[in-house]
C-alpha atoms as a PDB file:
ATOM      1  CA  UNK A   1       0.000   0.000   0.000  1.00  0.00           C
ATOM      2  CA  UNK A   2       1.355   3.415  -0.895  1.00  0.00           C
ATOM      3  CA  UNK A   3       2.324   5.643   2.001  1.00  0.00           C
ATOM      4  CA  UNK A   4      -0.330   8.256   1.157  1.00  0.00           C
ATOM      5  CA  UNK A   5      -3.079   5.632   0.978  1.00  0.00           C
ATOM      6  CA  UNK A   6      -1.897   4.095   4.256  1.00  0.00           C
ATOM      7  CA  UNK A   7      -1.973   7.508   5.925  1.00  0.00           C
ATOM      8  CA  UNK A   8      -5.496   8.143   4.657  1.00  0.00           C
ATOM      9  CA  UNK A   9      -6.671   4.704   5.803  1.00  0.00           C
ATOM     10  CA  UNK A  10      -5.032   5.235   9.197  1.00  0.00           C
ATOM     11  CA  UNK A  11      -6.671   8.667   9.511  1.00  0.00           C
ATOM     12  CA  UNK A  12     -10.096   7.233   8.724  1.00  0.00           C
ATOM     13  CA  UNK A  13      -9.617   4.480  11.280  1.00  0.00           C
ATOM     14  CA  UNK A  14      -8.342   6.978  13.854  1.00  0.00           C
ATOM     15  CA  UNK A  15     -11.510   9.014  13.317  1.00  0.00           C
ATOM     16  CA  UNK A  16     -13.525   5.895  14.202  1.00  0.00           C
ATOM     17  CA  UNK A  17     -11.943   5.733  17.677  1.00  0.00           C
ATOM     18  CA  UNK A  18     -14.471   8.216  19.016  1.00  0.00           C
ATOM     19  CA  UNK A  19     -17.467   6.563  20.700  1.00  0.00           C
ATOM     20  CA  UNK A  20     -20.895   8.146  20.661  1.00  0.00           C
ATOM     21  CA  UNK A  21     -22.500   7.057  23.959  1.00  0.00           C
ATOM     22  CA  UNK A  22     -25.917   7.300  22.337  1.00  0.00           C
ATOM     23  CA  UNK A  23     -24.910   4.793  19.642  1.00  0.00           C
ATOM     24  CA  UNK A  24     -23.201   2.111  21.714  1.00  0.00           C
ATOM     25  CA  UNK A  25     -24.931  -0.638  19.752  1.00  0.00           C
ATOM     26  CA  UNK A  26     -23.317   0.539  16.510  1.00  0.00           C
ATOM     27  CA  UNK A  27     -19.926   0.950  18.187  1.00  0.00           C
ATOM     28  CA  UNK A  28     -20.089  -2.579  19.586  1.00  0.00           C
ATOM     29  CA  UNK A  29     -21.081  -4.089  16.254  1.00  0.00           C
ATOM     30  CA  UNK A  30     -18.328  -2.361  14.272  1.00  0.00           C
ATOM     31  CA  UNK A  31     -15.559  -2.658  16.880  1.00  0.00           C
ATOM     32  CA  UNK A  32     -14.336  -6.158  16.040  1.00  0.00           C
ATOM     33  CA  UNK A  33     -14.098  -5.431  12.319  1.00  0.00           C
ATOM     34  CA  UNK A  34     -12.176  -2.215  13.015  1.00  0.00           C
ATOM     35  CA  UNK A  35      -9.761  -4.041  15.338  1.00  0.00           C
ATOM     36  CA  UNK A  36      -9.314  -6.678  12.643  1.00  0.00           C
ATOM     37  CA  UNK A  37      -8.500  -4.048   9.985  1.00  0.00           C
ATOM     38  CA  UNK A  38      -5.977  -2.334  12.243  1.00  0.00           C
ATOM     39  CA  UNK A  39      -4.407  -5.677  13.163  1.00  0.00           C
ATOM     40  CA  UNK A  40      -4.043  -6.672   9.508  1.00  0.00           C
ATOM     41  CA  UNK A  41      -2.452  -3.328   8.622  1.00  0.00           C
ATOM     42  CA  UNK A  42      -0.093  -3.578  11.596  1.00  0.00           C
ATOM     43  CA  UNK A  43       0.974  -7.059  10.450  1.00  0.00           C
ATOM     44  CA  UNK A  44       1.441  -5.776   6.894  1.00  0.00           C
ATOM     45  CA  UNK A  45       3.563  -2.890   8.163  1.00  0.00           C
ATOM     46  CA  UNK A  46       5.649  -5.338  10.233  1.00  0.00           C
ATOM     47  CA  UNK A  47       6.175  -7.460   7.133  1.00  0.00           C
ATOM     48  CA  UNK A  48       7.307  -4.444   5.092  1.00  0.00           C
ATOM     49  CA  UNK A  49       9.686  -3.454   7.888  1.00  0.00           C
ATOM     50  CA  UNK A  50      11.173  -6.964   8.009  1.00  0.00           C
ATOM     51  CA  UNK A  51      11.619  -6.968   4.220  1.00  0.00           C
ATOM     52  CA  UNK A  52      13.358  -3.588   4.303  1.00  0.00           C
ATOM     53  CA  UNK A  53      15.661  -4.727   7.110  1.00  0.00           C
ATOM     54  CA  UNK A  54      16.569  -7.877   5.154  1.00  0.00           C
ATOM     55  CA  UNK A  55      17.215  -5.852   2.004  1.00  0.00           C
ATOM     56  CA  UNK A  56      19.445  -3.479   3.980  1.00  0.00           C
ATOM     57  CA  UNK A  57      21.412  -6.376   5.487  1.00  0.00           C
ATOM     58  CA  UNK A  58      21.963  -7.940   2.038  1.00  0.00           C
ATOM     59  CA  UNK A  59      22.990  -4.600   0.557  1.00  0.00           C
ATOM     60  CA  UNK A  60      25.337  -3.978   3.471  1.00  0.00           C
ATOM     61  CA  UNK A  61      27.044  -7.335   2.863  1.00  0.00           C
ATOM     62  CA  UNK A  62      27.341  -6.688  -0.897  1.00  0.00           C
ATOM     63  CA  UNK A  63      28.696  -3.186  -0.348  1.00  0.00           C
ATOM     64  CA  UNK A  64      31.187  -4.429   2.244  1.00  0.00           C
ATOM     65  CA  UNK A  65      32.635  -6.824  -0.346  1.00  0.00           C
ATOM     66  CA  UNK A  66      32.790  -4.012  -2.923  1.00  0.00           C
ATOM     67  CA  UNK A  67      34.472  -1.681  -0.440  1.00  0.00           C
ATOM     68  CA  UNK A  68      37.098  -4.276   0.424  1.00  0.00           C
ATOM     69  CA  UNK A  69      37.819  -4.860  -3.266  1.00  0.00           C
ATOM     70  CA  UNK A  70      37.910  -1.168  -4.030  1.00  0.00           C
ATOM     71  CA  UNK A  71      40.365  -0.551  -1.228  1.00  0.00           C
ATOM     72  CA  UNK A  72      42.544  -3.251  -2.820  1.00  0.00           C
ATOM     73  CA  UNK A  73      43.056  -4.979   0.494  1.00  0.00           C
ATOM     74  CA  UNK A  74      41.144  -8.213  -0.001  1.00  0.00           C
ATOM     75  CA  UNK A  75      44.109 -10.236   1.174  1.00  0.00           C
ATOM     76  CA  UNK A  76      45.323  -7.652   3.661  1.00  0.00           C
ATOM     77  CA  UNK A  77      43.506  -6.808   6.812  1.00  0.00           C
ATOM     78  CA  UNK A  78      40.761  -4.190   6.452  1.00  0.00           C
ATOM     79  CA  UNK A  79      39.224  -2.990   9.662  1.00  0.00           C
ATOM     80  CA  UNK A  80      35.472  -3.082  10.173  1.00  0.00           C
ATOM     81  CA  UNK A  81      35.617   0.603  11.044  1.00  0.00           C
ATOM     82  CA  UNK A  82      37.023   1.386   7.591  1.00  0.00           C
ATOM     83  CA  UNK A  83      34.335  -0.690   5.901  1.00  0.00           C
ATOM     84  CA  UNK A  84      31.586   0.879   8.038  1.00  0.00           C
ATOM     85  CA  UNK A  85      32.856   4.377   7.205  1.00  0.00           C
ATOM     86  CA  UNK A  86      32.608   3.635   3.505  1.00  0.00           C
ATOM     87  CA  UNK A  87      29.143   2.078   3.879  1.00  0.00           C
ATOM     88  CA  UNK A  88      27.720   5.049   5.718  1.00  0.00           C
ATOM     89  CA  UNK A  89      28.751   7.414   2.955  1.00  0.00           C
ATOM     90  CA  UNK A  90      27.386   5.205   0.149  1.00  0.00           C
ATOM     91  CA  UNK A  91      24.250   6.708  -1.454  1.00  0.00           C
ATOM     92  CA  UNK A  92      22.650   3.317  -2.127  1.00  0.00           C
ATOM     93  CA  UNK A  93      23.141   2.327   1.534  1.00  0.00           C
ATOM     94  CA  UNK A  94      21.694   5.630   2.748  1.00  0.00           C
ATOM     95  CA  UNK A  95      18.601   5.179   0.582  1.00  0.00           C
ATOM     96  CA  UNK A  96      18.065   1.630   1.858  1.00  0.00           C
ATOM     97  CA  UNK A  97      18.550   2.823   5.427  1.00  0.00           C
ATOM     98  CA  UNK A  98      15.976   5.584   4.881  1.00  0.00           C
ATOM     99  CA  UNK A  99      13.509   2.977   3.574  1.00  0.00           C
ATOM    100  CA  UNK A 100      13.991   1.001   6.800  1.00  0.00           C
ATOM    101  CA  UNK A 101      13.372   4.138   8.878  1.00  0.00           C
ATOM    102  CA  UNK A 102      10.228   4.931   6.887  1.00  0.00           C
ATOM    103  CA  UNK A 103       8.942   1.366   7.332  1.00  0.00           C
ATOM    104  CA  UNK A 104       9.749   1.532  11.053  1.00  0.00           C
ATOM    105  CA  UNK A 105       7.806   4.777  11.393  1.00  0.00           C
ATOM    106  CA  UNK A 106       4.840   3.360   9.474  1.00  0.00           C
ATOM    107  CA  UNK A 107       4.811   0.248  11.642  1.00  0.00           C
ATOM    108  CA  UNK A 108       5.024   2.348  14.803  1.00  0.00           C
ATOM    109  CA  UNK A 109       2.034   4.437  13.731  1.00  0.00           C
ATOM    110  CA  UNK A 110      -0.032   1.304  13.088  1.00  0.00           C
ATOM    111  CA  UNK A 111       1.029  -0.154  16.449  1.00  0.00           C
ATOM    112  CA  UNK A 112      -0.069   3.047  18.182  1.00  0.00           C
ATOM    113  CA  UNK A 113      -3.454   2.845  16.462  1.00  0.00           C
ATOM    114  CA  UNK A 114      -3.748  -0.806  17.435  1.00  0.00           C
ATOM    115  CA  UNK A 115      -3.120   0.128  21.084  1.00  0.00           C
ATOM    116  CA  UNK A 116      -5.710   2.904  20.835  1.00  0.00           C
ATOM    117  CA  UNK A 117      -8.295   0.379  19.642  1.00  0.00           C
ATOM    118  CA  UNK A 118      -7.455  -1.857  22.609  1.00  0.00           C
ATOM    119  CA  UNK A 119      -8.162   1.111  24.859  1.00  0.00           C
ATOM    120  CA  UNK A 120     -11.367   1.740  22.901  1.00  0.00           C
ATOM    121  CA  UNK A 121     -12.525  -1.755  23.781  1.00  0.00           C
ATOM    122  CA  UNK A 122     -12.078  -0.998  27.502  1.00  0.00           C
ATOM    123  CA  UNK A 123     -13.974   2.253  27.069  1.00  0.00           C
ATOM    124  CA  UNK A 124     -16.800   0.470  25.270  1.00  0.00           C
ATOM    125  CA  UNK A 125     -17.053  -1.981  28.153  1.00  0.00           C
ATOM    126  CA  UNK A 126     -17.201   0.880  30.671  1.00  0.00           C
ATOM    127  CA  UNK A 127     -19.796   2.780  28.669  1.00  0.00           C
ATOM    128  CA  UNK A 128     -21.951  -0.318  28.326  1.00  0.00           C
ATOM    129  CA  UNK A 129     -21.704  -0.830  32.103  1.00  0.00           C
ATOM    130  CA  UNK A 130     -22.844   2.758  32.619  1.00  0.00           C
ATOM    131  CA  UNK A 131     -25.699   2.244  30.185  1.00  0.00           C
ATOM    132  CA  UNK A 132     -26.711  -0.979  31.936  1.00  0.00           C
ATOM    133  CA  UNK A 133     -26.670   0.854  35.279  1.00  0.00           C
ATOM    134  CA  UNK A 134     -29.082   3.406  33.756  1.00  0.00           C
ATOM    135  CA  UNK A 135     -26.496   6.160  34.131  1.00  0.00           C
ATOM    136  CA  UNK A 136     -27.684   8.115  31.101  1.00  0.00           C
ATOM    137  CA  UNK A 137     -31.306   8.292  32.256  1.00  0.00           C
ATOM    138  CA  UNK A 138     -30.145   9.311  35.740  1.00  0.00           C
ATOM    139  CA  UNK A 139     -28.071  12.087  34.195  1.00  0.00           C
ATOM    140  CA  UNK A 140     -31.048  13.292  32.173  1.00  0.00           C
ATOM    141  CA  UNK A 141     -33.173  13.313  35.339  1.00  0.00           C
ATOM    142  CA  UNK A 142     -30.469  15.347  37.124  1.00  0.00           C
ATOM    143  CA  UNK A 143     -30.481  17.925  34.352  1.00  0.00           C
ATOM    144  CA  UNK A 144     -34.272  18.151  34.487  1.00  0.00           C
ATOM    145  CA  UNK A 145     -34.196  18.477  38.297  1.00  0.00           C
ATOM    146  CA  UNK A 146     -31.542  21.170  37.990  1.00  0.00           C
ATOM    147  CA  UNK A 147     -33.681  23.128  35.547  1.00  0.00           C
ATOM    148  CA  UNK A 148     -36.679  22.880  37.892  1.00  0.00           C
ATOM    149  CA  UNK A 149     -34.505  24.000  40.818  1.00  0.00           C
ATOM    150  CA  UNK A 150     -33.247  26.995  38.828  1.00  0.00           C
ATOM    151  CA  UNK A 151     -36.845  28.014  38.063  1.00  0.00           C
ATOM    152  CA  UNK A 152     -37.775  27.825  41.751  1.00  0.00           C
ATOM    153  CA  UNK A 153     -34.675  29.812  42.737  1.00  0.00           C
ATOM    154  CA  UNK A 154     -35.780  32.531  40.338  1.00  0.00           C
ATOM    155  CA  UNK A 155     -39.102  32.574  42.214  1.00  0.00           C
ATOM    156  CA  UNK A 156     -37.177  33.371  45.392  1.00  0.00           C
ATOM    157  CA  UNK A 157     -37.264  31.720  48.819  1.00  0.00           C
ATOM    158  CA  UNK A 158     -40.917  30.758  48.509  1.00  0.00           C
ATOM    159  CA  UNK A 159     -40.170  28.902  45.274  1.00  0.00           C
ATOM    160  CA  UNK A 160     -37.320  26.993  46.919  1.00  0.00           C
ATOM    161  CA  UNK A 161     -39.569  25.996  49.852  1.00  0.00           C
ATOM    162  CA  UNK A 162     -42.205  24.822  47.380  1.00  0.00           C
ATOM    163  CA  UNK A 163     -39.558  22.796  45.506  1.00  0.00           C
ATOM    164  CA  UNK A 164     -38.436  21.022  48.673  1.00  0.00           C
ATOM    165  CA  UNK A 165     -42.000  20.480  49.908  1.00  0.00           C
ATOM    166  CA  UNK A 166     -42.727  18.640  46.666  1.00  0.00           C
ATOM    167  CA  UNK A 167     -39.503  16.648  46.901  1.00  0.00           C
ATOM    168  CA  UNK A 168     -39.294  15.753  50.577  1.00  0.00           C
ATOM    169  CA  UNK A 169     -36.027  15.272  52.455  1.00  0.00           C
ATOM    170  CA  UNK A 170     -34.626  12.695  50.026  1.00  0.00           C
ATOM    171  CA  UNK A 171     -34.885  15.014  47.024  1.00  0.00           C
ATOM    172  CA  UNK A 172     -37.078  12.488  45.208  1.00  0.00           C
ATOM    173  CA  UNK A 173     -40.270  13.836  43.792  1.00  0.00           C
ATOM    174  CA  UNK A 174     -43.381  12.941  45.790  1.00  0.00           C
ATOM    175  CA  UNK A 175     -46.129  11.312  43.779  1.00  0.00           C
END
């Protein structure tokens, strides 16, 4: 996959991390397929990284032989430091090394997204627990009670007394 396409795909998946608490059912249904997509892309990125590392190692070995021949010391002793110096200045080696760094970065970004989706799964579980405990309805009731309280406060002390008379000591509305 081209780097631009991978970035776009990663951005779209990153945008799907957000959970709408009012659409938990949709989030739960889509979560496993999203985790699967991210996992596949992470594995693909790991494979590309491994291929680039292997290519760099092969190139390094080939260039080391060329460097030794070029120095004309195949039979004489050539230090590894001399060979390494020549490798690091070789354009072909630098390009291969840059490809490894790019693949490493790409893999790291996919791993980070994979970890974010693991965290998303914990958040989904917590949100479902809150939903099951009727947290959202309780919150809506609190907002409604707060609005009623504000109206009674505007009416002054008599309004507040009326509010509490209707609620009792517990704050629950008397029926």
